[in-house]
C-alpha atoms as a PDB file:
ATOM      1  CA  MET A   1       8.503  -3.246  -1.202  1.00  0.00           C
ATOM      2  CA  THR A   2       7.758  -3.317   2.236  1.00  0.00           C
ATOM      3  CA  VAL A   3       9.864  -1.899   4.892  1.00  0.00           C
ATOM      4  CA  LYS A   4       9.316  -2.896   8.959  1.00  0.00           C
ATOM      5  CA  GLU A   5       7.018  -0.322  10.028  1.00  0.00           C
ATOM      6  CA  GLN A   6       6.727   1.933   6.625  1.00  0.00           C
ATOM      7  CA  VAL A   7       3.354   4.021   7.065  1.00  0.00           C
ATOM      8  CA  LEU A   8       2.813   5.644   3.297  1.00  0.00           C
ATOM      9  CA  PRO A   9       4.079   4.090  -0.320  1.00  0.00           C
ATOM     10  CA  VAL A  10       7.396   3.808  -1.613  1.00  0.00           C
ATOM     11  CA  THR A  11       7.462   4.570  -5.497  1.00  0.00           C
ATOM     12  CA  PHE A  12      10.509   4.474  -7.887  1.00  0.00           C
ATOM     13  CA  GLU A  13      11.139   3.859 -11.243  1.00  0.00           C
ATOM     14  CA  LEU A  14      14.378   1.284 -12.466  1.00  0.00           C
ATOM     15  CA  GLN A  15      15.711   2.521 -15.745  1.00  0.00           C
ATOM     16  CA  PHE A  16      18.708   0.058 -17.857  1.00  0.00           C
ATOM     17  CA  LYS A  17      20.179  -0.141 -20.915  1.00  0.00           C
ATOM     18  CA  ILE A  18      20.889  -3.112 -22.854  1.00  0.00           C
ATOM     19  CA  THR A  19      24.287  -2.496 -24.804  1.00  0.00           C
ATOM     20  CA  SER A  20      26.931  -5.004 -26.786  1.00  0.00           C
ATOM     21  CA  ASP A  21      29.590  -6.348 -25.632  1.00  0.00           C
ATOM     22  CA  ARG A  22      30.819  -6.703 -29.483  1.00  0.00           C
ATOM     23  CA  VAL A  23      34.358  -5.713 -30.111  1.00  0.00           C
ATOM     24  CA  THR A  24      36.024  -5.357 -33.478  1.00  0.00           C
ATOM     25  CA  ILE A  25      39.681  -6.474 -35.135  1.00  0.00           C
ATOM     26  CA  ARG A  26      40.526  -4.490 -38.370  1.00  0.00           C
ATOM     27  CA  PRO A  27      41.898  -5.552 -39.565  1.00  0.00           C
ATOM     28  CA  PRO A  28      40.508  -9.749 -39.633  1.00  0.00           C
ATOM     29  CA  GLU A  29      42.876 -11.460 -40.671  1.00  0.00           C
ATOM     30  CA  LEU A  30      46.640 -11.006 -40.060  1.00  0.00           C
ATOM     31  CA  ASN A  31      49.268 -11.261 -43.255  1.00  0.00           C
ATOM     32  CA  PHE A  32      52.559 -10.072 -41.780  1.00  0.00           C
ATOM     33  CA  GLY A  33      54.155 -10.740 -45.474  1.00  0.00           C
ATOM     34  CA  LYS A  34      57.686 -13.187 -46.471  1.00  0.00           C
ATOM     35  CA  ILE A  35      59.758 -11.915 -43.412  1.00  0.00           C
ATOM     36  CA  PHE A  36      63.994 -12.818 -44.115  1.00  0.00           C
ATOM     37  CA  GLU A  37      65.600 -14.616 -41.541  1.00  0.00           C
ATOM     38  CA  GLY A  38      65.953 -13.522 -38.313  1.00  0.00           C
ATOM     39  CA  LEU A  39      63.967 -10.483 -39.266  1.00  0.00           C
ATOM     40  CA  SER A  40      60.643  -9.074 -38.306  1.00  0.00           C
ATOM     41  CA  SER A  41      57.642  -7.105 -39.485  1.00  0.00           C
ATOM     42  CA  LYS A  42      54.385  -5.142 -37.262  1.00  0.00           C
ATOM     43  CA  ILE A  43      50.516  -4.170 -38.436  1.00  0.00           C
ATOM     44  CA  GLU A  44      49.040  -2.195 -36.967  1.00  0.00           C
ATOM     45  CA  VAL A  45      45.509  -3.552 -35.347  1.00  0.00           C
ATOM     46  CA  GLU A  46      43.148  -1.688 -34.181  1.00  0.00           C
ATOM     47  CA  PHE A  47      40.175  -2.612 -31.456  1.00  0.00           C
ATOM     48  CA  GLU A  48      36.937  -0.931 -31.586  1.00  0.00           C
ATOM     49  CA  ASN A  49      34.673  -1.713 -28.374  1.00  0.00           C
ATOM     50  CA  GLU A  50      31.416  -1.205 -29.126  1.00  0.00           C
ATOM     51  CA  SER A  51      29.946  -1.545 -26.280  1.00  0.00           C
ATOM     52  CA  GLU A  52      29.271   1.719 -23.300  1.00  0.00           C
ATOM     53  CA  LEU A  53      31.158  -0.394 -21.127  1.00  0.00           C
ATOM     54  CA  PRO A  54      34.611  -1.183 -19.978  1.00  0.00           C
ATOM     55  CA  GLN A  55      36.044  -4.356 -22.352  1.00  0.00           C
ATOM     56  CA  GLU A  56      39.188  -6.996 -21.587  1.00  0.00           C
ATOM     57  CA  LEU A  57      40.513  -7.919 -24.043  1.00  0.00           C
ATOM     58  CA  LEU A  58      43.712 -11.163 -23.289  1.00  0.00           C
ATOM     59  CA  LEU A  59      45.588 -12.257 -25.869  1.00  0.00           C
ATOM     60  CA  TYR A  60      47.355 -15.619 -25.280  1.00  0.00           C
ATOM     61  CA  PRO A  61      48.834 -17.561 -26.350  1.00  0.00           C
ATOM     62  CA  LEU A  62      50.615 -16.619 -28.425  1.00  0.00           C
ATOM     63  CA  LYS A  63      53.420 -18.119 -29.987  1.00  0.00           C
ATOM     64  CA  LYS A  64      56.631 -17.112 -29.062  1.00  0.00           C
ATOM     65  CA  SER A  65      57.753 -15.213 -32.744  1.00  0.00           C
ATOM     66  CA  ILE A  66      53.997 -13.139 -32.281  1.00  0.00           C
ATOM     67  CA  ALA A  67      54.063 -10.807 -29.870  1.00  0.00           C
ATOM     68  CA  VAL A  68      52.177  -7.529 -29.526  1.00  0.00           C
ATOM     69  CA  GLU A  69      53.747  -4.104 -28.721  1.00  0.00           C
ATOM     70  CA  ASN A  70      55.253  -3.398 -25.362  1.00  0.00           C
ATOM     71  CA  ASP A  71      54.410  -6.603 -23.816  1.00  0.00           C
ATOM     72  CA  GLN A  72      51.328  -6.051 -23.256  1.00  0.00           C
ATOM     73  CA  PRO A  73      48.891  -9.230 -24.434  1.00  0.00           C
ATOM     74  CA  LEU A  74      46.236  -7.399 -21.755  1.00  0.00           C
ATOM     75  CA  ILE A  75      43.977  -4.830 -23.786  1.00  0.00           C
ATOM     76  CA  LYS A  76      41.684  -2.708 -21.894  1.00  0.00           C
ATOM     77  CA  LEU A  77      38.867  -0.087 -23.881  1.00  0.00           C
ATOM     78  CA  LEU A  78      37.101   2.356 -22.306  1.00  0.00           C
ATOM     79  CA  PRO A  79      33.441   3.119 -23.296  1.00  0.00           C
ATOM     80  CA  LEU A  80      33.386   3.684 -27.766  1.00  0.00           C
ATOM     81  CA  GLN A  81      37.829   3.964 -26.901  1.00  0.00           C
ATOM     82  CA  THR A  82      39.397   2.651 -30.314  1.00  0.00           C
ATOM     83  CA  LEU A  83      42.625   1.996 -29.794  1.00  0.00           C
ATOM     84  CA  LYS A  84      45.726   0.634 -31.997  1.00  0.00           C
ATOM     85  CA  THR A  85      48.541  -1.036 -31.615  1.00  0.00           C
ATOM     86  CA  HIS A  86      51.561  -3.460 -33.073  1.00  0.00           C
ATOM     87  CA  ILE A  87      51.704  -7.466 -33.850  1.00  0.00           C
ATOM     88  CA  ILE A  88      55.085  -8.200 -33.890  1.00  0.00           C
ATOM     89  CA  TYR A  89      56.256 -11.166 -36.115  1.00  0.00           C
ATOM     90  CA  ARG A  90      59.859 -12.040 -35.675  1.00  0.00           C
ATOM     91  CA  SER A  91      60.858 -15.371 -37.610  1.00  0.00           C
ATOM     92  CA  LYS A  92      64.580 -17.777 -35.775  1.00  0.00           C
ATOM     93  CA  ARG A  93      67.560 -17.788 -37.811  1.00  0.00           C
ATOM     94  CA  LEU A  94      67.901 -21.178 -38.667  1.00  0.00           C
END
């Protein structure tokens, strides 16, 4: 690196760390089981951020019968954070 009118060299060191962008979702498959008409069922889902950087997940588009607890389809995870929430299935009344 050169700087105008710089007489002495400037030494510097760059440090970096490579991190994964992996987010693990458990369970990997949702099975709400058998539900009577007009009722709902919910499953606890765990999102684990394995990265040392923040991550955002957008659960979209969702069918009208599926919802995320507290109507929060955007999930923000801090580095190495694990978040638990519920996915809710509401059956339609025929």
